[in-house]
Amino acid sequence: MYQHQWVSGESILLPMGKAVCVGRNYAEHARELGNAVPEAPLLFIKPASACVTIGDHISLPRPDLHFETELALLIGAQLSADHSESPMSAVTAVTLALDLTDRTQQDELKKKGHPWERAKAFDDSLPLGPWLPVNQMPENLSDWGYTLELNGKPQQHGRVENMLFSIPDLLAEIVKDFRLEPGDVVLTGTPDGVGKLKSGDKLELAIEGTEWKLSSQVE
């Protein structure tokens, strides 16, 4: 089974669990796709088989895929609806992820009123970068942000303060239905600027306020 490295005092390995994702958590992204801005978090799940490590190169599992850059959270302790502490206490590390989407298939499924999983949760549809311990992130959650440059040009800029649903509120909403276990991942939504990836594209990912940077090229 695919495993993540979790860093918190010492390095251990956690078996990869499910990835709980939120759609349309940035108003401008909802609008750019012609979708309504949601009044409650729009949740879906990707299985462990969707997860793959971002390296120097990214191999697209399907042609004509769109990218959605997202801040991802690694869950290091069980979190459930009766959790008495702050939901953020279960978050041990963060990274950037690419939620790869078969947009054509997704649009067809939406028109039929069908679930999105075939367009979102297929094998290798969730490339994840290396994990950064949460204690190396800016102290104030509102200062968390990230960027994507595509072929040397700014493409996406996400800021926690611009999310429709804050990270603690999002975690609290998720565990109403899905208990989070160590090794699970939570994706927090993508800002506007999504688009199609093609062979040869160069990606530069960075988490603001940290030394976390990652370069990768699409094969």
C-alpha atoms as a PDB file:
ATOM      1  CA  MET A   1       0.000   0.000   0.000  1.00  0.00           C
ATOM      2  CA  TYR A   2       1.159   3.521  -0.807  1.00  0.00           C
ATOM      3  CA  GLN A   3       2.602   5.239   2.274  1.00  0.00           C
ATOM      4  CA  HIS A   4       3.223   8.799   3.369  1.00  0.00           C
ATOM      5  CA  GLN A   5       6.055  10.033   5.511  1.00  0.00           C
ATOM      6  CA  TRP A   6       4.784  11.946   8.523  1.00  0.00           C
ATOM      7  CA  VAL A   7       7.226  14.208  10.355  1.00  0.00           C
ATOM      8  CA  SER A   8       6.424  15.223  13.923  1.00  0.00           C
ATOM      9  CA  GLY A   9       9.396  14.943  16.210  1.00  0.00           C
ATOM     10  CA  GLU A  10      10.407  11.750  14.456  1.00  0.00           C
ATOM     11  CA  SER A  11       9.768  10.277  11.034  1.00  0.00           C
ATOM     12  CA  ILE A  12       7.246   7.484  10.745  1.00  0.00           C
ATOM     13  CA  LEU A  13       5.269   5.998   7.905  1.00  0.00           C
ATOM     14  CA  LEU A  14       1.504   6.109   7.696  1.00  0.00           C
ATOM     15  CA  PRO A  15      -0.442   3.877   5.325  1.00  0.00           C
ATOM     16  CA  MET A  16      -2.216   5.977   2.747  1.00  0.00           C
ATOM     17  CA  GLY A  17      -5.910   6.287   3.517  1.00  0.00           C
ATOM     18  CA  LYS A  18      -8.731   8.016   1.723  1.00  0.00           C
ATOM     19  CA  ALA A  19      -8.582  11.577   0.415  1.00  0.00           C
ATOM     20  CA  VAL A  20     -11.582  13.720   1.279  1.00  0.00           C
ATOM     21  CA  CYS A  21     -11.911  16.602  -1.170  1.00  0.00           C
ATOM     22  CA  VAL A  22     -14.011  19.733  -1.260  1.00  0.00           C
ATOM     23  CA  GLY A  23     -15.347  21.238  -4.466  1.00  0.00           C
ATOM     24  CA  ARG A  24     -15.893  24.954  -5.095  1.00  0.00           C
ATOM     25  CA  ASN A  25     -14.254  26.237  -1.898  1.00  0.00           C
ATOM     26  CA  TYR A  26     -13.151  29.395  -3.723  1.00  0.00           C
ATOM     27  CA  ALA A  27     -15.939  31.547  -5.161  1.00  0.00           C
ATOM     28  CA  GLU A  28     -13.950  32.652  -8.208  1.00  0.00           C
ATOM     29  CA  HIS A  29     -13.216  29.036  -9.171  1.00  0.00           C
ATOM     30  CA  ALA A  30     -16.910  28.179  -8.978  1.00  0.00           C
ATOM     31  CA  ARG A  31     -17.696  31.123 -11.230  1.00  0.00           C
ATOM     32  CA  GLU A  32     -14.967  30.346 -13.784  1.00  0.00           C
ATOM     33  CA  LEU A  33     -16.581  26.952 -14.396  1.00  0.00           C
ATOM     34  CA  GLY A  34     -20.091  28.390 -14.467  1.00  0.00           C
ATOM     35  CA  ASN A  35     -21.079  26.691 -11.202  1.00  0.00           C
ATOM     36  CA  ALA A  36     -23.156  28.063  -8.360  1.00  0.00           C
ATOM     37  CA  VAL A  37     -21.302  29.153  -5.236  1.00  0.00           C
ATOM     38  CA  PRO A  38     -22.236  26.494  -2.623  1.00  0.00           C
ATOM     39  CA  GLU A  39     -23.840  27.279   0.709  1.00  0.00           C
ATOM     40  CA  ALA A  40     -22.299  24.182   2.318  1.00  0.00           C
ATOM     41  CA  PRO A  41     -19.101  22.221   1.553  1.00  0.00           C
ATOM     42  CA  LEU A  42     -19.380  20.009  -1.527  1.00  0.00           C
ATOM     43  CA  LEU A  43     -17.524  16.819  -0.564  1.00  0.00           C
ATOM     44  CA  PHE A  44     -16.272  13.812  -2.506  1.00  0.00           C
ATOM     45  CA  ILE A  45     -13.694  11.094  -1.866  1.00  0.00           C
ATOM     46  CA  LYS A  46     -10.712   9.749  -3.757  1.00  0.00           C
ATOM     47  CA  PRO A  47      -9.413   6.288  -2.779  1.00  0.00           C
ATOM     48  CA  ALA A  48      -5.831   5.483  -1.841  1.00  0.00           C
ATOM     49  CA  SER A  49      -5.294   4.153  -5.385  1.00  0.00           C
ATOM     50  CA  ALA A  50      -5.731   7.705  -6.709  1.00  0.00           C
ATOM     51  CA  CYS A  51      -2.661   8.954  -4.841  1.00  0.00           C
ATOM     52  CA  VAL A  52       0.784   9.159  -6.401  1.00  0.00           C
ATOM     53  CA  THR A  53       3.942  11.087  -5.501  1.00  0.00           C
ATOM     54  CA  ILE A  54       4.893  14.180  -7.495  1.00  0.00           C
ATOM     55  CA  GLY A  55       8.472  13.797  -8.677  1.00  0.00           C
ATOM     56  CA  ASP A  56      10.642  15.580 -11.215  1.00  0.00           C
ATOM     57  CA  HIS A  57       8.129  14.395 -13.802  1.00  0.00           C
ATOM     58  CA  ILE A  58       4.389  13.819 -13.763  1.00  0.00           C
ATOM     59  CA  SER A  59       2.888  11.152 -15.968  1.00  0.00           C
ATOM     60  CA  LEU A  60      -0.707  11.847 -16.906  1.00  0.00           C
ATOM     61  CA  PRO A  61      -2.857   8.740 -16.359  1.00  0.00           C
ATOM     62  CA  ARG A  62      -5.277   9.937 -19.051  1.00  0.00           C
ATOM     63  CA  PRO A  63      -5.116  12.433 -21.925  1.00  0.00           C
ATOM     64  CA  ASP A  64      -6.841  15.839 -21.755  1.00  0.00           C
ATOM     65  CA  LEU A  65      -6.781  16.207 -17.983  1.00  0.00           C
ATOM     66  CA  HIS A  66      -7.256  19.478 -16.117  1.00  0.00           C
ATOM     67  CA  PHE A  67      -5.226  20.458 -13.051  1.00  0.00           C
ATOM     68  CA  GLU A  68      -6.575  21.932  -9.817  1.00  0.00           C
ATOM     69  CA  THR A  69      -3.830  22.926  -7.357  1.00  0.00           C
ATOM     70  CA  GLU A  70      -4.835  22.479  -3.723  1.00  0.00           C
ATOM     71  CA  LEU A  71      -3.437  22.700  -0.219  1.00  0.00           C
ATOM     72  CA  ALA A  72      -3.548  19.187   1.245  1.00  0.00           C
ATOM     73  CA  LEU A  73      -3.611  18.262   4.934  1.00  0.00           C
ATOM     74  CA  LEU A  74      -2.249  15.028   6.407  1.00  0.00           C
ATOM     75  CA  ILE A  75      -4.296  13.617   9.272  1.00  0.00           C
ATOM     76  CA  GLY A  76      -2.093  12.126  12.005  1.00  0.00           C
ATOM     77  CA  ALA A  77      -4.694  11.315  14.656  1.00  0.00           C
ATOM     78  CA  GLN A  78      -8.242  10.069  14.521  1.00  0.00           C
ATOM     79  CA  LEU A  79     -10.790  12.849  14.177  1.00  0.00           C
ATOM     80  CA  SER A  80     -14.502  12.225  14.579  1.00  0.00           C
ATOM     81  CA  ALA A  81     -17.653  14.199  15.241  1.00  0.00           C
ATOM     82  CA  ASP A  82     -17.272  13.809  19.011  1.00  0.00           C
ATOM     83  CA  HIS A  83     -13.687  15.108  18.970  1.00  0.00           C
ATOM     84  CA  SER A  84     -13.475  17.567  21.876  1.00  0.00           C
ATOM     85  CA  GLU A  85     -10.361  19.447  20.775  1.00  0.00           C
ATOM     86  CA  SER A  86      -9.758  21.772  17.859  1.00  0.00           C
ATOM     87  CA  PRO A  87      -9.925  19.886  14.529  1.00  0.00           C
ATOM     88  CA  MET A  88      -6.555  21.394  13.616  1.00  0.00           C
ATOM     89  CA  SER A  89      -4.909  19.325  16.368  1.00  0.00           C
ATOM     90  CA  ALA A  90      -5.249  16.265  14.117  1.00  0.00           C
ATOM     91  CA  VAL A  91      -3.371  17.914  11.219  1.00  0.00           C
ATOM     92  CA  THR A  92       0.309  16.991  11.296  1.00  0.00           C
ATOM     93  CA  ALA A  93       1.640  18.070   7.894  1.00  0.00           C
ATOM     94  CA  VAL A  94       0.712  19.885   4.706  1.00  0.00           C
ATOM     95  CA  THR A  95       1.657  19.698   1.048  1.00  0.00           C
ATOM     96  CA  LEU A  96       0.398  20.782  -2.353  1.00  0.00           C
ATOM     97  CA  ALA A  97      -1.598  18.409  -4.498  1.00  0.00           C
ATOM     98  CA  LEU A  98      -2.923  18.311  -8.039  1.00  0.00           C
ATOM     99  CA  ASP A  99      -6.536  17.222  -8.247  1.00  0.00           C
ATOM    100  CA  LEU A 100      -6.497  15.869 -11.807  1.00  0.00           C
ATOM    101  CA  THR A 101      -9.905  15.998 -13.443  1.00  0.00           C
ATOM    102  CA  ASP A 102     -11.347  14.553 -16.622  1.00  0.00           C
ATOM    103  CA  ARG A 103     -13.404  17.691 -17.257  1.00  0.00           C
ATOM    104  CA  THR A 104     -15.200  16.398 -20.345  1.00  0.00           C
ATOM    105  CA  GLN A 105     -16.364  13.286 -18.528  1.00  0.00           C
ATOM    106  CA  GLN A 106     -17.228  15.297 -15.424  1.00  0.00           C
ATOM    107  CA  ASP A 107     -19.439  17.653 -17.435  1.00  0.00           C
ATOM    108  CA  GLU A 108     -21.223  14.685 -19.014  1.00  0.00           C
ATOM    109  CA  LEU A 109     -21.790  13.063 -15.623  1.00  0.00           C
ATOM    110  CA  LYS A 110     -23.099  16.318 -14.140  1.00  0.00           C
ATOM    111  CA  LYS A 111     -25.605  16.720 -16.977  1.00  0.00           C
ATOM    112  CA  LYS A 112     -26.952  13.227 -16.230  1.00  0.00           C
ATOM    113  CA  GLY A 113     -27.055  13.854 -12.483  1.00  0.00           C
ATOM    114  CA  HIS A 114     -24.506  11.085 -11.918  1.00  0.00           C
ATOM    115  CA  PRO A 115     -21.664  11.004  -9.334  1.00  0.00           C
ATOM    116  CA  TRP A 116     -18.270  12.433 -10.333  1.00  0.00           C
ATOM    117  CA  GLU A 117     -16.007   9.593  -9.235  1.00  0.00           C
ATOM    118  CA  ARG A 118     -15.224   8.286 -12.724  1.00  0.00           C
ATOM    119  CA  ALA A 119     -13.922  11.741 -13.656  1.00  0.00           C
ATOM    120  CA  LYS A 120     -12.192  12.496 -10.372  1.00  0.00           C
ATOM    121  CA  ALA A 121     -11.201   9.344  -8.478  1.00  0.00           C
ATOM    122  CA  PHE A 122      -9.467   7.231 -11.121  1.00  0.00           C
ATOM    123  CA  ASP A 123      -6.011   5.715 -10.549  1.00  0.00           C
ATOM    124  CA  ASP A 124      -3.157   8.248 -10.128  1.00  0.00           C
ATOM    125  CA  SER A 125      -5.555  11.204 -10.223  1.00  0.00           C
ATOM    126  CA  LEU A 126      -4.085  12.800  -7.092  1.00  0.00           C
ATOM    127  CA  PRO A 127      -0.364  13.649  -7.330  1.00  0.00           C
ATOM    128  CA  LEU A 128       0.910  14.747  -3.895  1.00  0.00           C
ATOM    129  CA  GLY A 129       4.099  16.620  -3.066  1.00  0.00           C
ATOM    130  CA  PRO A 130       6.415  15.926  -0.101  1.00  0.00           C
ATOM    131  CA  TRP A 131       4.957  16.644   3.321  1.00  0.00           C
ATOM    132  CA  LEU A 132       5.922  19.706   5.361  1.00  0.00           C
ATOM    133  CA  PRO A 133       5.428  19.477   9.164  1.00  0.00           C
ATOM    134  CA  VAL A 134       2.596  21.766  10.177  1.00  0.00           C
ATOM    135  CA  ASN A 135       4.829  23.490  12.739  1.00  0.00           C
ATOM    136  CA  GLN A 136       6.885  24.849   9.826  1.00  0.00           C
ATOM    137  CA  MET A 137       3.872  26.665   8.407  1.00  0.00           C
ATOM    138  CA  PRO A 138       3.140  30.325   9.258  1.00  0.00           C
ATOM    139  CA  GLU A 139       1.779  30.624  12.792  1.00  0.00           C
ATOM    140  CA  ASN A 140      -1.456  32.304  11.727  1.00  0.00           C
ATOM    141  CA  LEU A 141      -3.738  30.127   9.619  1.00  0.00           C
ATOM    142  CA  SER A 142      -4.926  33.192   7.702  1.00  0.00           C
ATOM    143  CA  ASP A 143      -1.365  33.630   6.393  1.00  0.00           C
ATOM    144  CA  TRP A 144      -1.280  30.213   4.721  1.00  0.00           C
ATOM    145  CA  GLY A 145      -1.100  30.412   0.944  1.00  0.00           C
ATOM    146  CA  TYR A 146       0.441  28.810  -2.121  1.00  0.00           C
ATOM    147  CA  THR A 147       1.210  29.432  -5.773  1.00  0.00           C
ATOM    148  CA  LEU A 148       1.464  27.570  -9.048  1.00  0.00           C
ATOM    149  CA  GLU A 149       3.510  28.844 -11.967  1.00  0.00           C
ATOM    150  CA  LEU A 150       2.847  27.145 -15.290  1.00  0.00           C
ATOM    151  CA  ASN A 151       5.624  27.431 -17.885  1.00  0.00           C
ATOM    152  CA  GLY A 152       7.139  30.363 -16.001  1.00  0.00           C
ATOM    153  CA  LYS A 153       3.911  32.371 -15.639  1.00  0.00           C
ATOM    154  CA  PRO A 154       1.689  32.805 -12.537  1.00  0.00           C
ATOM    155  CA  GLN A 155      -1.305  30.494 -12.873  1.00  0.00           C
ATOM    156  CA  GLN A 156      -2.948  29.912  -9.485  1.00  0.00           C
ATOM    157  CA  HIS A 157      -2.726  31.645  -6.111  1.00  0.00           C
ATOM    158  CA  GLY A 158      -4.597  30.169  -3.170  1.00  0.00           C
ATOM    159  CA  ARG A 159      -5.039  31.836   0.212  1.00  0.00           C
ATOM    160  CA  VAL A 160      -6.759  30.274   3.205  1.00  0.00           C
ATOM    161  CA  GLU A 161      -8.368  33.616   4.016  1.00  0.00           C
ATOM    162  CA  ASN A 162     -10.174  33.500   0.646  1.00  0.00           C
ATOM    163  CA  MET A 163     -11.747  30.079   1.182  1.00  0.00           C
ATOM    164  CA  LEU A 164     -15.526  29.964   1.469  1.00  0.00           C
ATOM    165  CA  PHE A 165     -15.200  27.446   4.300  1.00  0.00           C
ATOM    166  CA  SER A 166     -12.264  27.750   6.696  1.00  0.00           C
ATOM    167  CA  ILE A 167     -10.048  24.735   7.317  1.00  0.00           C
ATOM    168  CA  PRO A 168     -11.321  24.129  10.891  1.00  0.00           C
ATOM    169  CA  ASP A 169     -14.933  24.468   9.717  1.00  0.00           C
ATOM    170  CA  LEU A 170     -14.240  22.178   6.783  1.00  0.00           C
ATOM    171  CA  LEU A 171     -12.735  19.494   9.026  1.00  0.00           C
ATOM    172  CA  ALA A 172     -15.656  19.757  11.427  1.00  0.00           C
ATOM    173  CA  GLU A 173     -18.089  19.366   8.528  1.00  0.00           C
ATOM    174  CA  ILE A 174     -16.265  16.349   7.067  1.00  0.00           C
ATOM    175  CA  VAL A 175     -16.321  14.350  10.298  1.00  0.00           C
ATOM    176  CA  LYS A 176     -20.085  14.682  10.564  1.00  0.00           C
ATOM    177  CA  ASP A 177     -20.174  11.967   7.893  1.00  0.00           C
ATOM    178  CA  PHE A 178     -16.641  10.572   7.462  1.00  0.00           C
ATOM    179  CA  ARG A 179     -14.382   9.773  10.411  1.00  0.00           C
ATOM    180  CA  LEU A 180     -10.804  10.799   9.587  1.00  0.00           C
ATOM    181  CA  GLU A 181      -8.057   8.287  10.391  1.00  0.00           C
ATOM    182  CA  PRO A 182      -4.244   8.601  10.558  1.00  0.00           C
ATOM    183  CA  GLY A 183      -2.974   8.587   6.967  1.00  0.00           C
ATOM    184  CA  ASP A 184      -6.083  10.207   5.516  1.00  0.00           C
ATOM    185  CA  VAL A 185      -5.664  13.349   3.433  1.00  0.00           C
ATOM    186  CA  VAL A 186      -7.960  16.357   3.191  1.00  0.00           C
ATOM    187  CA  LEU A 187      -7.907  18.585   0.112  1.00  0.00           C
ATOM    188  CA  THR A 188      -9.112  22.123   0.760  1.00  0.00           C
ATOM    189  CA  GLY A 189     -10.239  23.325  -2.666  1.00  0.00           C
ATOM    190  CA  THR A 190      -8.690  25.121  -5.620  1.00  0.00           C
ATOM    191  CA  PRO A 191      -8.644  28.807  -6.558  1.00  0.00           C
ATOM    192  CA  ASP A 192      -9.407  30.107 -10.029  1.00  0.00           C
ATOM    193  CA  GLY A 193      -6.902  29.529 -12.835  1.00  0.00           C
ATOM    194  CA  VAL A 194      -7.461  25.824 -13.471  1.00  0.00           C
ATOM    195  CA  GLY A 195      -6.704  24.496 -16.925  1.00  0.00           C
ATOM    196  CA  LYS A 196      -5.519  21.637 -19.098  1.00  0.00           C
ATOM    197  CA  LEU A 197      -2.125  19.971 -18.720  1.00  0.00           C
ATOM    198  CA  LYS A 198      -0.128  18.918 -21.756  1.00  0.00           C
ATOM    199  CA  SER A 199       3.122  17.090 -22.327  1.00  0.00           C
ATOM    200  CA  GLY A 200       6.135  19.338 -21.710  1.00  0.00           C
ATOM    201  CA  ASP A 201       4.367  21.704 -19.305  1.00  0.00           C
ATOM    202  CA  LYS A 202       6.603  22.852 -16.449  1.00  0.00           C
ATOM    203  CA  LEU A 203       5.087  23.342 -13.002  1.00  0.00           C
ATOM    204  CA  GLU A 204       6.570  25.382 -10.153  1.00  0.00           C
ATOM    205  CA  LEU A 205       4.722  24.891  -6.869  1.00  0.00           C
ATOM    206  CA  ALA A 206       5.424  26.822  -3.658  1.00  0.00           C
ATOM    207  CA  ILE A 207       3.932  27.239  -0.190  1.00  0.00           C
ATOM    208  CA  GLU A 208       4.140  30.860   0.883  1.00  0.00           C
ATOM    209  CA  GLY A 209       6.046  31.761   4.040  1.00  0.00           C
ATOM    210  CA  THR A 210       8.084  28.531   3.910  1.00  0.00           C
ATOM    211  CA  GLU A 211      11.005  27.035   1.988  1.00  0.00           C
ATOM    212  CA  TRP A 212       8.715  24.421   0.403  1.00  0.00           C
ATOM    213  CA  LYS A 213       9.107  24.489  -3.385  1.00  0.00           C
ATOM    214  CA  LEU A 214       8.680  21.819  -6.029  1.00  0.00           C
ATOM    215  CA  SER A 215       9.413  21.714  -9.745  1.00  0.00           C
ATOM    216  CA  SER A 216       7.976  19.096 -12.054  1.00  0.00           C
ATOM    217  CA  GLN A 217       7.435  18.548 -15.760  1.00  0.00           C
ATOM    218  CA  VAL A 218       4.558  16.795 -17.450  1.00  0.00           C
ATOM    219  CA  GLU A 219       5.580  13.780 -19.525  1.00  0.00           C
END
